[in-house]
Amino acid sequence: MKFCKKYEEYMQEQNQKKELPEVGFKKLKKILKKCRTDDLRSLDHDLHPHQISANCPHHCPVCDGTFFPSLLNEMSAVVGTFNERAQKLLDLHLASGFRKCFIWFKDKLHGNHVALIQECRDLVTYAIFNAIAMRKILKKYDKIHYSKQGQAFKSQAQSMHLEILQSPWLCELMAFHINLRETKPEQRKASALFDGCSLVINEGKASLFCELFDSIKLDIDLTCSVCLDTVFDPVALTCGHIYCYMCACKSASVTIVDGLKAADRKEKCPLCRDAGVFEGAVHLDELNILLRRSCPEYWEERLQAERVERIQQVKEHWEYQCRAFMGV
């Protein structure tokens, strides 16, 4: 079965449960087909057959004026929906007490791990299908135009944080699955999609690895590029890079009391040098739980080391606030 048909059937099945945005794969293929047809009609009929088979030019007004804007809007909607639903799911899993009961009641979900795992599986499948759709349609664009505009657009989408496989919430869902799998072994049958998902620790360096269908492999390095250790109390910046929380605060020139939301928009990611990436940082709580359980000795060592520094920062912050209040 061709991917276009498979993708349509999948999205129709999902939309029966809940209306979801999608990559308009069939519509975008029609735009490319129209582009090719219009170009062939404009060619001189006396040209050599090999020349007639040539496709439209590198910068095509038909494609560039319709194709890329449509795809950009669809990708934005897909990533926004995925992030929102993943955040709700993980908030539910990590909530406690009255707040958890309130969320269960509000969303009318069944309070069991099977329902959580199934929702996690649905979200990751949704992300993968749309990632494959984007990859294939851009590959088709480059094939028709004999260009690399599709790849350039993909790089642009990544810089705009619209690459769904780079979403920090996907990393959180992977950690969430491993946490449930290890705490609830009886639920493994409900999560066959994640059979190849694991936390890999090699020579003291940790990474999150997951092999999914259609040859998609995710290998997320969990080494902080500031302290060069495995991330502790990890946060993901909007550019997708993961750091220890305190390392991120130092890079953003803020204290842990003020937090990353207080960072100046001019501050840049230490790795990719993108600006304005700190304010929307995501605290990776599921990954934090996974690393704490998998590396207990390292975690305790880092905890003791950072506790002194955190107390010192809090003390200095409130001393400064008191002096400012008293006008000293």
C-alpha atoms as a PDB file:
ATOM      1  CA  MET A   1       0.000   0.000   0.000  1.00  0.00           C
ATOM      2  CA  LYS A   2       1.343   3.429  -0.953  1.00  0.00           C
ATOM      3  CA  PHE A   3       2.079   5.784   1.901  1.00  0.00           C
ATOM      4  CA  CYS A   4      -0.441   8.392   0.699  1.00  0.00           C
ATOM      5  CA  LYS A   5      -3.298   5.882   0.976  1.00  0.00           C
ATOM      6  CA  LYS A   6      -2.028   4.517   4.276  1.00  0.00           C
ATOM      7  CA  TYR A   7      -1.703   8.036   5.699  1.00  0.00           C
ATOM      8  CA  GLU A   8      -5.244   8.960   4.606  1.00  0.00           C
ATOM      9  CA  GLU A   9      -6.713   5.856   6.219  1.00  0.00           C
ATOM     10  CA  TYR A  10      -4.814   6.514   9.447  1.00  0.00           C
ATOM     11  CA  MET A  11      -5.962  10.148   9.658  1.00  0.00           C
ATOM     12  CA  GLN A  12      -9.580   9.184   8.862  1.00  0.00           C
ATOM     13  CA  GLU A  13      -9.469   6.661  11.708  1.00  0.00           C
ATOM     14  CA  GLN A  14      -8.033   9.291  14.085  1.00  0.00           C
ATOM     15  CA  ASN A  15     -10.544  11.938  13.034  1.00  0.00           C
ATOM     16  CA  GLN A  16     -13.398   9.598  13.939  1.00  0.00           C
ATOM     17  CA  LYS A  17     -12.182   9.852  17.536  1.00  0.00           C
ATOM     18  CA  LYS A  18     -11.176  13.508  17.505  1.00  0.00           C
ATOM     19  CA  GLU A  19     -10.587  16.081  14.776  1.00  0.00           C
ATOM     20  CA  LEU A  20      -6.828  16.490  14.339  1.00  0.00           C
ATOM     21  CA  PRO A  21      -4.745  18.703  12.046  1.00  0.00           C
ATOM     22  CA  GLU A  22      -2.671  16.880   9.449  1.00  0.00           C
ATOM     23  CA  VAL A  23      -0.212  17.359   6.622  1.00  0.00           C
ATOM     24  CA  GLY A  24      -2.361  17.703   3.481  1.00  0.00           C
ATOM     25  CA  PHE A  25      -0.341  15.059   1.664  1.00  0.00           C
ATOM     26  CA  LYS A  26      -2.826  14.487  -1.167  1.00  0.00           C
ATOM     27  CA  LYS A  27      -3.467  18.211  -1.678  1.00  0.00           C
ATOM     28  CA  LEU A  28       0.261  18.989  -1.782  1.00  0.00           C
ATOM     29  CA  LYS A  29       0.818  16.212  -4.345  1.00  0.00           C
ATOM     30  CA  LYS A  30      -1.860  17.827  -6.531  1.00  0.00           C
ATOM     31  CA  ILE A  31      -0.018  21.159  -6.332  1.00  0.00           C
ATOM     32  CA  LEU A  32       3.164  19.461  -7.528  1.00  0.00           C
ATOM     33  CA  LYS A  33       1.275  17.621 -10.255  1.00  0.00           C
ATOM     34  CA  LYS A  34      -0.259  20.900 -11.485  1.00  0.00           C
ATOM     35  CA  CYS A  35       3.184  22.459 -11.478  1.00  0.00           C
ATOM     36  CA  ARG A  36       4.550  19.670 -13.657  1.00  0.00           C
ATOM     37  CA  THR A  37       1.552  19.733 -16.021  1.00  0.00           C
ATOM     38  CA  ASP A  38       1.657  23.513 -16.507  1.00  0.00           C
ATOM     39  CA  ASP A  39       5.360  23.403 -17.207  1.00  0.00           C
ATOM     40  CA  LEU A  40       5.055  20.608 -19.787  1.00  0.00           C
ATOM     41  CA  ARG A  41       2.308  22.501 -21.618  1.00  0.00           C
ATOM     42  CA  SER A  42       4.537  25.540 -21.877  1.00  0.00           C
ATOM     43  CA  LEU A  43       7.373  23.587 -23.516  1.00  0.00           C
ATOM     44  CA  ASP A  44       7.960  23.682 -27.248  1.00  0.00           C
ATOM     45  CA  HIS A  45       6.608  20.477 -28.847  1.00  0.00           C
ATOM     46  CA  ASP A  46       9.677  20.332 -31.113  1.00  0.00           C
ATOM     47  CA  LEU A  47      12.013  19.744 -28.182  1.00  0.00           C
ATOM     48  CA  HIS A  48      13.758  16.443 -27.690  1.00  0.00           C
ATOM     49  CA  PRO A  49      11.711  13.935 -25.584  1.00  0.00           C
ATOM     50  CA  HIS A  50      14.413  13.970 -22.890  1.00  0.00           C
ATOM     51  CA  GLN A  51      14.055  17.755 -22.616  1.00  0.00           C
ATOM     52  CA  ILE A  52      10.261  17.516 -22.491  1.00  0.00           C
ATOM     53  CA  SER A  53      10.511  15.227 -19.463  1.00  0.00           C
ATOM     54  CA  ALA A  54      12.310  17.987 -17.577  1.00  0.00           C
ATOM     55  CA  ASN A  55      10.324  19.424 -14.698  1.00  0.00           C
ATOM     56  CA  CYS A  56       9.675  22.977 -13.529  1.00  0.00           C
ATOM     57  CA  PRO A  57      12.529  25.319 -12.554  1.00  0.00           C
ATOM     58  CA  HIS A  58      14.234  25.660  -9.184  1.00  0.00           C
ATOM     59  CA  HIS A  59      12.159  28.685  -8.173  1.00  0.00           C
ATOM     60  CA  CYS A  60       8.633  27.889  -9.292  1.00  0.00           C
ATOM     61  CA  PRO A  61       5.876  30.491  -8.648  1.00  0.00           C
ATOM     62  CA  VAL A  62       3.205  27.754  -8.598  1.00  0.00           C
ATOM     63  CA  CYS A  63       4.931  25.731  -5.889  1.00  0.00           C
ATOM     64  CA  ASP A  64       6.685  28.466  -3.952  1.00  0.00           C
ATOM     65  CA  GLY A  65       3.506  30.558  -3.729  1.00  0.00           C
ATOM     66  CA  THR A  66       1.216  27.713  -2.622  1.00  0.00           C
ATOM     67  CA  PHE A  67       3.153  24.618  -1.654  1.00  0.00           C
ATOM     68  CA  PHE A  68       5.484  25.933   1.056  1.00  0.00           C
ATOM     69  CA  PRO A  69       2.981  28.276   2.795  1.00  0.00           C
ATOM     70  CA  SER A  70       0.408  25.448   2.956  1.00  0.00           C
ATOM     71  CA  LEU A  71       2.931  22.969   4.331  1.00  0.00           C
ATOM     72  CA  LEU A  72       4.231  25.483   6.870  1.00  0.00           C
ATOM     73  CA  ASN A  73       0.735  26.168   8.240  1.00  0.00           C
ATOM     74  CA  GLU A  74      -0.079  22.455   8.434  1.00  0.00           C
ATOM     75  CA  MET A  75       3.198  21.606  10.199  1.00  0.00           C
ATOM     76  CA  SER A  76       2.613  24.402  12.703  1.00  0.00           C
ATOM     77  CA  ALA A  77      -0.873  23.071  13.494  1.00  0.00           C
ATOM     78  CA  VAL A  78       0.344  19.450  13.806  1.00  0.00           C
ATOM     79  CA  VAL A  79       3.256  20.308  16.137  1.00  0.00           C
ATOM     80  CA  GLY A  80       1.047  22.594  18.263  1.00  0.00           C
ATOM     81  CA  THR A  81      -1.597  19.878  18.708  1.00  0.00           C
ATOM     82  CA  PHE A  82       1.003  17.201  19.477  1.00  0.00           C
ATOM     83  CA  ASN A  83       2.747  19.365  22.106  1.00  0.00           C
ATOM     84  CA  GLU A  84      -0.554  20.340  23.741  1.00  0.00           C
ATOM     85  CA  ARG A  85      -1.866  16.774  23.979  1.00  0.00           C
ATOM     86  CA  ALA A  86       1.474  15.394  25.189  1.00  0.00           C
ATOM     87  CA  GLN A  87       1.661  18.058  27.893  1.00  0.00           C
ATOM     88  CA  LYS A  88      -1.864  17.221  29.107  1.00  0.00           C
ATOM     89  CA  LEU A  89      -1.042  13.501  29.238  1.00  0.00           C
ATOM     90  CA  LEU A  90       2.183  14.011  31.182  1.00  0.00           C
ATOM     91  CA  ASP A  91       0.573  16.530  33.536  1.00  0.00           C
ATOM     92  CA  LEU A  92      -1.993  13.865  34.306  1.00  0.00           C
ATOM     93  CA  HIS A  93       0.635  11.220  34.988  1.00  0.00           C
ATOM     94  CA  LEU A  94       2.718  13.471  37.241  1.00  0.00           C
ATOM     95  CA  ALA A  95      -0.197  15.120  39.058  1.00  0.00           C
ATOM     96  CA  SER A  96      -1.028  14.077  42.610  1.00  0.00           C
ATOM     97  CA  GLY A  97      -3.801  14.445  45.148  1.00  0.00           C
ATOM     98  CA  PHE A  98      -6.811  16.630  44.387  1.00  0.00           C
ATOM     99  CA  ARG A  99      -5.292  17.994  41.167  1.00  0.00           C
ATOM    100  CA  LYS A 100      -5.023  14.502  39.680  1.00  0.00           C
ATOM    101  CA  CYS A 101      -8.655  13.706  40.566  1.00  0.00           C
ATOM    102  CA  PHE A 102      -9.727  16.993  39.023  1.00  0.00           C
ATOM    103  CA  ILE A 103      -7.881  16.284  35.747  1.00  0.00           C
ATOM    104  CA  TRP A 104      -9.269  12.735  35.562  1.00  0.00           C
ATOM    105  CA  PHE A 105     -12.795  14.052  36.041  1.00  0.00           C
ATOM    106  CA  LYS A 106     -12.362  16.934  33.585  1.00  0.00           C
ATOM    107  CA  ASP A 107     -10.997  14.800  30.754  1.00  0.00           C
ATOM    108  CA  LYS A 108     -13.256  11.815  31.525  1.00  0.00           C
ATOM    109  CA  LEU A 109     -10.399   9.351  31.255  1.00  0.00           C
ATOM    110  CA  HIS A 110     -10.149   5.990  32.984  1.00  0.00           C
ATOM    111  CA  GLY A 111      -7.616   6.027  35.781  1.00  0.00           C
ATOM    112  CA  ASN A 112      -5.415   3.144  34.695  1.00  0.00           C
ATOM    113  CA  HIS A 113      -2.015   2.707  33.107  1.00  0.00           C
ATOM    114  CA  VAL A 114      -3.409   0.971  30.002  1.00  0.00           C
ATOM    115  CA  ALA A 115      -5.298   4.131  29.058  1.00  0.00           C
ATOM    116  CA  LEU A 116      -2.174   6.231  29.627  1.00  0.00           C
ATOM    117  CA  ILE A 117       0.016   3.947  27.529  1.00  0.00           C
ATOM    118  CA  GLN A 118      -2.559   3.834  24.719  1.00  0.00           C
ATOM    119  CA  GLU A 119      -2.763   7.629  24.648  1.00  0.00           C
ATOM    120  CA  CYS A 120       1.049   7.784  24.593  1.00  0.00           C
ATOM    121  CA  ARG A 121       1.139   5.273  21.716  1.00  0.00           C
ATOM    122  CA  ASP A 122      -1.480   7.235  19.751  1.00  0.00           C
ATOM    123  CA  LEU A 123       0.459  10.469  20.172  1.00  0.00           C
ATOM    124  CA  VAL A 124       3.779   9.012  19.030  1.00  0.00           C
ATOM    125  CA  THR A 125       2.125   7.286  16.057  1.00  0.00           C
ATOM    126  CA  TYR A 126       0.522  10.605  15.124  1.00  0.00           C
ATOM    127  CA  ALA A 127       3.922  12.338  15.311  1.00  0.00           C
ATOM    128  CA  ILE A 128       5.654   9.674  13.220  1.00  0.00           C
ATOM    129  CA  PHE A 129       3.015   9.543  10.467  1.00  0.00           C
ATOM    130  CA  ASN A 130       3.120  13.307  10.040  1.00  0.00           C
ATOM    131  CA  ALA A 131       6.934  13.379  10.157  1.00  0.00           C
ATOM    132  CA  ILE A 132       7.057  10.746   7.392  1.00  0.00           C
ATOM    133  CA  ALA A 133       4.446  12.657   5.366  1.00  0.00           C
ATOM    134  CA  MET A 134       6.532  15.833   5.561  1.00  0.00           C
ATOM    135  CA  ARG A 135       9.731  13.997   4.654  1.00  0.00           C
ATOM    136  CA  LYS A 136       8.166  12.289   1.637  1.00  0.00           C
ATOM    137  CA  ILE A 137       6.423  15.361   0.222  1.00  0.00           C
ATOM    138  CA  LEU A 138       9.619  17.434   0.459  1.00  0.00           C
ATOM    139  CA  LYS A 139      11.566  14.641  -1.215  1.00  0.00           C
ATOM    140  CA  LYS A 140       8.987  14.642  -4.017  1.00  0.00           C
ATOM    141  CA  TYR A 141       9.304  18.425  -4.351  1.00  0.00           C
ATOM    142  CA  ASP A 142      13.084  18.145  -4.832  1.00  0.00           C
ATOM    143  CA  LYS A 143      12.665  15.296  -7.310  1.00  0.00           C
ATOM    144  CA  ILE A 144      10.241  17.294  -9.475  1.00  0.00           C
ATOM    145  CA  HIS A 145      12.268  20.505  -9.363  1.00  0.00           C
ATOM    146  CA  TYR A 146      15.744  18.955  -9.503  1.00  0.00           C
ATOM    147  CA  SER A 147      16.574  21.182  -6.558  1.00  0.00           C
ATOM    148  CA  LYS A 148      17.371  21.169  -2.845  1.00  0.00           C
ATOM    149  CA  GLN A 149      14.640  23.625  -1.926  1.00  0.00           C
ATOM    150  CA  GLY A 150      12.787  20.904  -0.017  1.00  0.00           C
ATOM    151  CA  GLN A 151      15.804  20.185   2.163  1.00  0.00           C
ATOM    152  CA  ALA A 152      16.338  23.898   2.686  1.00  0.00           C
ATOM    153  CA  PHE A 153      12.706  24.213   3.804  1.00  0.00           C
ATOM    154  CA  LYS A 154      13.191  21.320   6.223  1.00  0.00           C
ATOM    155  CA  SER A 155      16.178  23.125   7.772  1.00  0.00           C
ATOM    156  CA  GLN A 156      14.096  26.284   8.019  1.00  0.00           C
ATOM    157  CA  ALA A 157      11.281  24.352   9.738  1.00  0.00           C
ATOM    158  CA  GLN A 158      13.801  22.983  12.252  1.00  0.00           C
ATOM    159  CA  SER A 159      15.050  26.494  13.027  1.00  0.00           C
ATOM    160  CA  MET A 160      11.403  27.534  13.566  1.00  0.00           C
ATOM    161  CA  HIS A 161      10.942  24.548  15.939  1.00  0.00           C
ATOM    162  CA  LEU A 162       8.370  22.915  13.636  1.00  0.00           C
ATOM    163  CA  GLU A 163      10.172  19.561  13.270  1.00  0.00           C
ATOM    164  CA  ILE A 164       7.922  17.251  15.281  1.00  0.00           C
ATOM    165  CA  LEU A 165      10.625  14.619  15.893  1.00  0.00           C
ATOM    166  CA  GLN A 166      12.690  17.296  17.669  1.00  0.00           C
ATOM    167  CA  SER A 167       9.890  18.218  20.061  1.00  0.00           C
ATOM    168  CA  PRO A 168      10.954  17.916  23.724  1.00  0.00           C
ATOM    169  CA  TRP A 169       7.540  16.378  24.404  1.00  0.00           C
ATOM    170  CA  LEU A 170       8.483  13.395  22.232  1.00  0.00           C
ATOM    171  CA  CYS A 171      11.533  12.870  24.449  1.00  0.00           C
ATOM    172  CA  GLU A 172       9.249  13.098  27.488  1.00  0.00           C
ATOM    173  CA  LEU A 173       6.838  10.518  26.023  1.00  0.00           C
ATOM    174  CA  MET A 174       9.718   8.106  25.439  1.00  0.00           C
ATOM    175  CA  ALA A 175      10.873   8.516  29.058  1.00  0.00           C
ATOM    176  CA  PHE A 176       7.248   8.238  30.221  1.00  0.00           C
ATOM    177  CA  HIS A 177       6.875   4.915  28.428  1.00  0.00           C
ATOM    178  CA  ILE A 178      10.106   3.483  29.890  1.00  0.00           C
ATOM    179  CA  ASN A 179       9.042   4.598  33.374  1.00  0.00           C
ATOM    180  CA  LEU A 180       5.674   2.864  33.054  1.00  0.00           C
ATOM    181  CA  ARG A 181       7.189  -0.222  31.464  1.00  0.00           C
ATOM    182  CA  GLU A 182       9.643  -0.663  34.342  1.00  0.00           C
ATOM    183  CA  THR A 183       7.182   0.115  37.128  1.00  0.00           C
ATOM    184  CA  LYS A 184       4.282  -1.810  35.543  1.00  0.00           C
ATOM    185  CA  PRO A 185       5.777  -4.826  33.676  1.00  0.00           C
ATOM    186  CA  GLU A 186       2.314  -6.309  33.103  1.00  0.00           C
ATOM    187  CA  GLN A 187       1.482  -3.399  30.749  1.00  0.00           C
ATOM    188  CA  ARG A 188       4.197  -4.173  28.203  1.00  0.00           C
ATOM    189  CA  LYS A 189       1.840  -5.830  25.726  1.00  0.00           C
ATOM    190  CA  ALA A 190      -0.053  -2.569  25.334  1.00  0.00           C
ATOM    191  CA  SER A 191       3.050  -0.755  24.097  1.00  0.00           C
ATOM    192  CA  ALA A 192       4.589  -2.823  21.279  1.00  0.00           C
ATOM    193  CA  LEU A 193       5.355   0.399  19.388  1.00  0.00           C
ATOM    194  CA  PHE A 194       8.093   1.153  21.941  1.00  0.00           C
ATOM    195  CA  ASP A 195       9.785  -2.247  22.045  1.00  0.00           C
ATOM    196  CA  GLY A 196      13.003  -0.674  20.741  1.00  0.00           C
ATOM    197  CA  CYS A 197      12.922   2.247  23.179  1.00  0.00           C
ATOM    198  CA  SER A 198      15.531   2.305  25.947  1.00  0.00           C
ATOM    199  CA  LEU A 199      17.918   4.388  28.015  1.00  0.00           C
ATOM    200  CA  VAL A 200      21.470   3.548  26.921  1.00  0.00           C
ATOM    201  CA  ILE A 201      24.441   4.260  29.230  1.00  0.00           C
ATOM    202  CA  ASN A 202      27.832   3.798  27.563  1.00  0.00           C
ATOM    203  CA  GLU A 203      31.061   4.744  29.342  1.00  0.00           C
ATOM    204  CA  GLY A 204      29.174   7.009  31.695  1.00  0.00           C
ATOM    205  CA  LYS A 205      27.353   8.831  28.860  1.00  0.00           C
ATOM    206  CA  ALA A 206      23.573   8.456  28.654  1.00  0.00           C
ATOM    207  CA  SER A 207      21.318   8.628  25.617  1.00  0.00           C
ATOM    208  CA  LEU A 208      17.675   7.908  24.886  1.00  0.00           C
ATOM    209  CA  PHE A 209      17.316   5.549  21.917  1.00  0.00           C
ATOM    210  CA  CYS A 210      14.143   4.513  20.140  1.00  0.00           C
ATOM    211  CA  GLU A 211      13.748   2.587  16.889  1.00  0.00           C
ATOM    212  CA  LEU A 212      10.329   3.165  15.354  1.00  0.00           C
ATOM    213  CA  PHE A 213       8.701   1.990  12.141  1.00  0.00           C
ATOM    214  CA  ASP A 214       9.640   3.117   8.605  1.00  0.00           C
ATOM    215  CA  SER A 215      13.329   3.142   9.582  1.00  0.00           C
ATOM    216  CA  ILE A 216      12.915   6.127  11.901  1.00  0.00           C
ATOM    217  CA  LYS A 217      15.476   6.096  14.691  1.00  0.00           C
ATOM    218  CA  LEU A 218      15.718   8.628  17.487  1.00  0.00           C
ATOM    219  CA  ASP A 219      18.971   8.913  19.404  1.00  0.00           C
ATOM    220  CA  ILE A 220      18.852  11.750  21.939  1.00  0.00           C
ATOM    221  CA  ASP A 221      22.153  12.618  23.581  1.00  0.00           C
ATOM    222  CA  LEU A 222      21.666  13.296  27.287  1.00  0.00           C
ATOM    223  CA  THR A 223      25.055  14.898  27.893  1.00  0.00           C
ATOM    224  CA  CYS A 224      24.890  18.545  28.927  1.00  0.00           C
ATOM    225  CA  SER A 225      27.170  20.562  26.621  1.00  0.00           C
ATOM    226  CA  VAL A 226      27.935  23.025  29.453  1.00  0.00           C
ATOM    227  CA  CYS A 227      29.136  20.743  32.279  1.00  0.00           C
ATOM    228  CA  LEU A 228      29.784  17.736  29.963  1.00  0.00           C
ATOM    229  CA  ASP A 229      28.027  15.369  32.399  1.00  0.00           C
ATOM    230  CA  THR A 230      24.742  13.504  32.083  1.00  0.00           C
ATOM    231  CA  VAL A 231      21.968  16.070  32.407  1.00  0.00           C
ATOM    232  CA  PHE A 232      20.703  16.611  35.943  1.00  0.00           C
ATOM    233  CA  ASP A 233      17.242  18.117  36.524  1.00  0.00           C
ATOM    234  CA  PRO A 234      17.008  18.442  32.713  1.00  0.00           C
ATOM    235  CA  VAL A 235      15.317  21.169  30.680  1.00  0.00           C
ATOM    236  CA  ALA A 236      14.865  21.374  26.907  1.00  0.00           C
ATOM    237  CA  LEU A 237      15.185  24.780  25.269  1.00  0.00           C
ATOM    238  CA  THR A 238      12.873  25.694  22.407  1.00  0.00           C
ATOM    239  CA  CYS A 239      15.717  24.923  19.968  1.00  0.00           C
ATOM    240  CA  GLY A 240      15.548  21.293  21.188  1.00  0.00           C
ATOM    241  CA  HIS A 241      18.868  21.107  23.057  1.00  0.00           C
ATOM    242  CA  ILE A 242      18.827  19.618  26.562  1.00  0.00           C
ATOM    243  CA  TYR A 243      20.768  20.993  29.545  1.00  0.00           C
ATOM    244  CA  CYS A 244      20.946  20.679  33.301  1.00  0.00           C
ATOM    245  CA  TYR A 245      18.629  23.270  34.835  1.00  0.00           C
ATOM    246  CA  MET A 246      21.429  25.082  36.664  1.00  0.00           C
ATOM    247  CA  CYS A 247      23.647  25.035  33.567  1.00  0.00           C
ATOM    248  CA  ALA A 248      20.803  26.540  31.540  1.00  0.00           C
ATOM    249  CA  CYS A 249      20.304  29.249  34.181  1.00  0.00           C
ATOM    250  CA  LYS A 250      24.017  30.106  34.107  1.00  0.00           C
ATOM    251  CA  SER A 251      23.963  30.267  30.296  1.00  0.00           C
ATOM    252  CA  ALA A 252      20.920  32.564  30.433  1.00  0.00           C
ATOM    253  CA  SER A 253      22.540  34.756  33.121  1.00  0.00           C
ATOM    254  CA  VAL A 254      19.670  34.231  35.579  1.00  0.00           C
ATOM    255  CA  THR A 255      19.455  32.687  39.050  1.00  0.00           C
ATOM    256  CA  ILE A 256      17.460  29.574  39.861  1.00  0.00           C
ATOM    257  CA  VAL A 257      15.122  31.805  41.900  1.00  0.00           C
ATOM    258  CA  ASP A 258      14.257  34.004  38.913  1.00  0.00           C
ATOM    259  CA  GLY A 259      14.074  31.008  36.573  1.00  0.00           C
ATOM    260  CA  LEU A 260      14.522  30.725  32.812  1.00  0.00           C
ATOM    261  CA  LYS A 261      11.396  32.751  32.074  1.00  0.00           C
ATOM    262  CA  ALA A 262      13.297  35.806  33.342  1.00  0.00           C
ATOM    263  CA  ALA A 263      16.054  35.326  30.743  1.00  0.00           C
ATOM    264  CA  ASP A 264      16.735  38.141  28.287  1.00  0.00           C
ATOM    265  CA  ARG A 265      15.616  37.290  24.752  1.00  0.00           C
ATOM    266  CA  LYS A 266      19.103  38.150  23.504  1.00  0.00           C
ATOM    267  CA  GLU A 267      20.629  35.247  25.436  1.00  0.00           C
ATOM    268  CA  LYS A 268      21.644  32.389  23.128  1.00  0.00           C
ATOM    269  CA  CYS A 269      21.751  28.595  23.303  1.00  0.00           C
ATOM    270  CA  PRO A 270      25.368  27.582  24.099  1.00  0.00           C
ATOM    271  CA  LEU A 271      25.273  24.937  21.352  1.00  0.00           C
ATOM    272  CA  CYS A 272      23.393  26.310  18.324  1.00  0.00           C
ATOM    273  CA  ARG A 273      23.570  30.032  19.248  1.00  0.00           C
ATOM    274  CA  ASP A 274      19.846  30.584  18.639  1.00  0.00           C
ATOM    275  CA  ALA A 275      18.504  33.559  20.603  1.00  0.00           C
ATOM    276  CA  GLY A 276      15.285  33.700  22.641  1.00  0.00           C
ATOM    277  CA  VAL A 277      15.240  29.975  23.417  1.00  0.00           C
ATOM    278  CA  PHE A 278      15.147  30.108  27.230  1.00  0.00           C
ATOM    279  CA  GLU A 279      11.737  31.605  27.943  1.00  0.00           C
ATOM    280  CA  GLY A 280       9.793  28.656  26.518  1.00  0.00           C
ATOM    281  CA  ALA A 281      12.055  25.952  28.028  1.00  0.00           C
ATOM    282  CA  VAL A 282      10.353  22.690  29.029  1.00  0.00           C
ATOM    283  CA  HIS A 283      11.231  20.963  32.304  1.00  0.00           C
ATOM    284  CA  LEU A 284      11.673  17.260  31.468  1.00  0.00           C
ATOM    285  CA  ASP A 285      10.146  15.694  34.580  1.00  0.00           C
ATOM    286  CA  GLU A 286       9.670  12.185  33.141  1.00  0.00           C
ATOM    287  CA  LEU A 287      13.274  12.115  31.942  1.00  0.00           C
ATOM    288  CA  ASN A 288      14.338  13.345  35.362  1.00  0.00           C
ATOM    289  CA  ILE A 289      12.527  10.419  37.027  1.00  0.00           C
ATOM    290  CA  LEU A 290      14.054   7.942  34.564  1.00  0.00           C
ATOM    291  CA  LEU A 291      17.632   9.151  35.084  1.00  0.00           C
ATOM    292  CA  ARG A 292      17.202   9.325  38.864  1.00  0.00           C
ATOM    293  CA  ARG A 293      16.110   5.693  38.964  1.00  0.00           C
ATOM    294  CA  SER A 294      18.672   4.457  36.405  1.00  0.00           C
ATOM    295  CA  CYS A 295      21.723   6.293  37.790  1.00  0.00           C
ATOM    296  CA  PRO A 296      21.113   6.477  41.572  1.00  0.00           C
ATOM    297  CA  GLU A 297      24.750   6.942  42.632  1.00  0.00           C
ATOM    298  CA  TYR A 298      25.451   9.676  40.094  1.00  0.00           C
ATOM    299  CA  TRP A 299      22.152  11.324  40.937  1.00  0.00           C
ATOM    300  CA  GLU A 300      22.873  11.417  44.657  1.00  0.00           C
ATOM    301  CA  GLU A 301      26.345  12.830  44.016  1.00  0.00           C
ATOM    302  CA  ARG A 302      24.985  15.620  41.804  1.00  0.00           C
ATOM    303  CA  LEU A 303      22.169  16.309  44.238  1.00  0.00           C
ATOM    304  CA  GLN A 304      24.589  16.868  47.125  1.00  0.00           C
ATOM    305  CA  ALA A 305      26.892  19.029  44.997  1.00  0.00           C
ATOM    306  CA  GLU A 306      24.098  21.225  43.657  1.00  0.00           C
ATOM    307  CA  ARG A 307      22.263  21.550  46.957  1.00  0.00           C
ATOM    308  CA  VAL A 308      25.057  23.734  48.369  1.00  0.00           C
ATOM    309  CA  GLU A 309      25.094  25.958  45.284  1.00  0.00           C
ATOM    310  CA  ARG A 310      21.306  26.280  45.181  1.00  0.00           C
ATOM    311  CA  ILE A 311      21.145  27.284  48.851  1.00  0.00           C
ATOM    312  CA  GLN A 312      23.876  29.850  48.251  1.00  0.00           C
ATOM    313  CA  GLN A 313      22.021  31.343  45.265  1.00  0.00           C
ATOM    314  CA  VAL A 314      18.748  31.561  47.202  1.00  0.00           C
ATOM    315  CA  LYS A 315      20.546  33.175  50.161  1.00  0.00           C
ATOM    316  CA  GLU A 316      22.236  35.772  47.937  1.00  0.00           C
ATOM    317  CA  HIS A 317      18.977  36.510  46.140  1.00  0.00           C
ATOM    318  CA  TRP A 318      17.041  37.267  49.311  1.00  0.00           C
ATOM    319  CA  GLU A 319      19.903  39.245  50.823  1.00  0.00           C
ATOM    320  CA  TYR A 320      19.894  41.418  47.710  1.00  0.00           C
ATOM    321  CA  GLN A 321      16.096  41.805  47.881  1.00  0.00           C
ATOM    322  CA  CYS A 322      16.290  42.853  51.537  1.00  0.00           C
ATOM    323  CA  ARG A 323      19.020  45.407  50.836  1.00  0.00           C
ATOM    324  CA  ALA A 324      17.039  46.796  47.894  1.00  0.00           C
ATOM    325  CA  PHE A 325      13.883  47.050  50.049  1.00  0.00           C
ATOM    326  CA  MET A 326      15.698  48.873  52.841  1.00  0.00           C
ATOM    327  CA  GLY A 327      17.582  51.101  50.402  1.00  0.00           C
ATOM    328  CA  VAL A 328      20.956  49.988  51.661  1.00  0.00           C
END
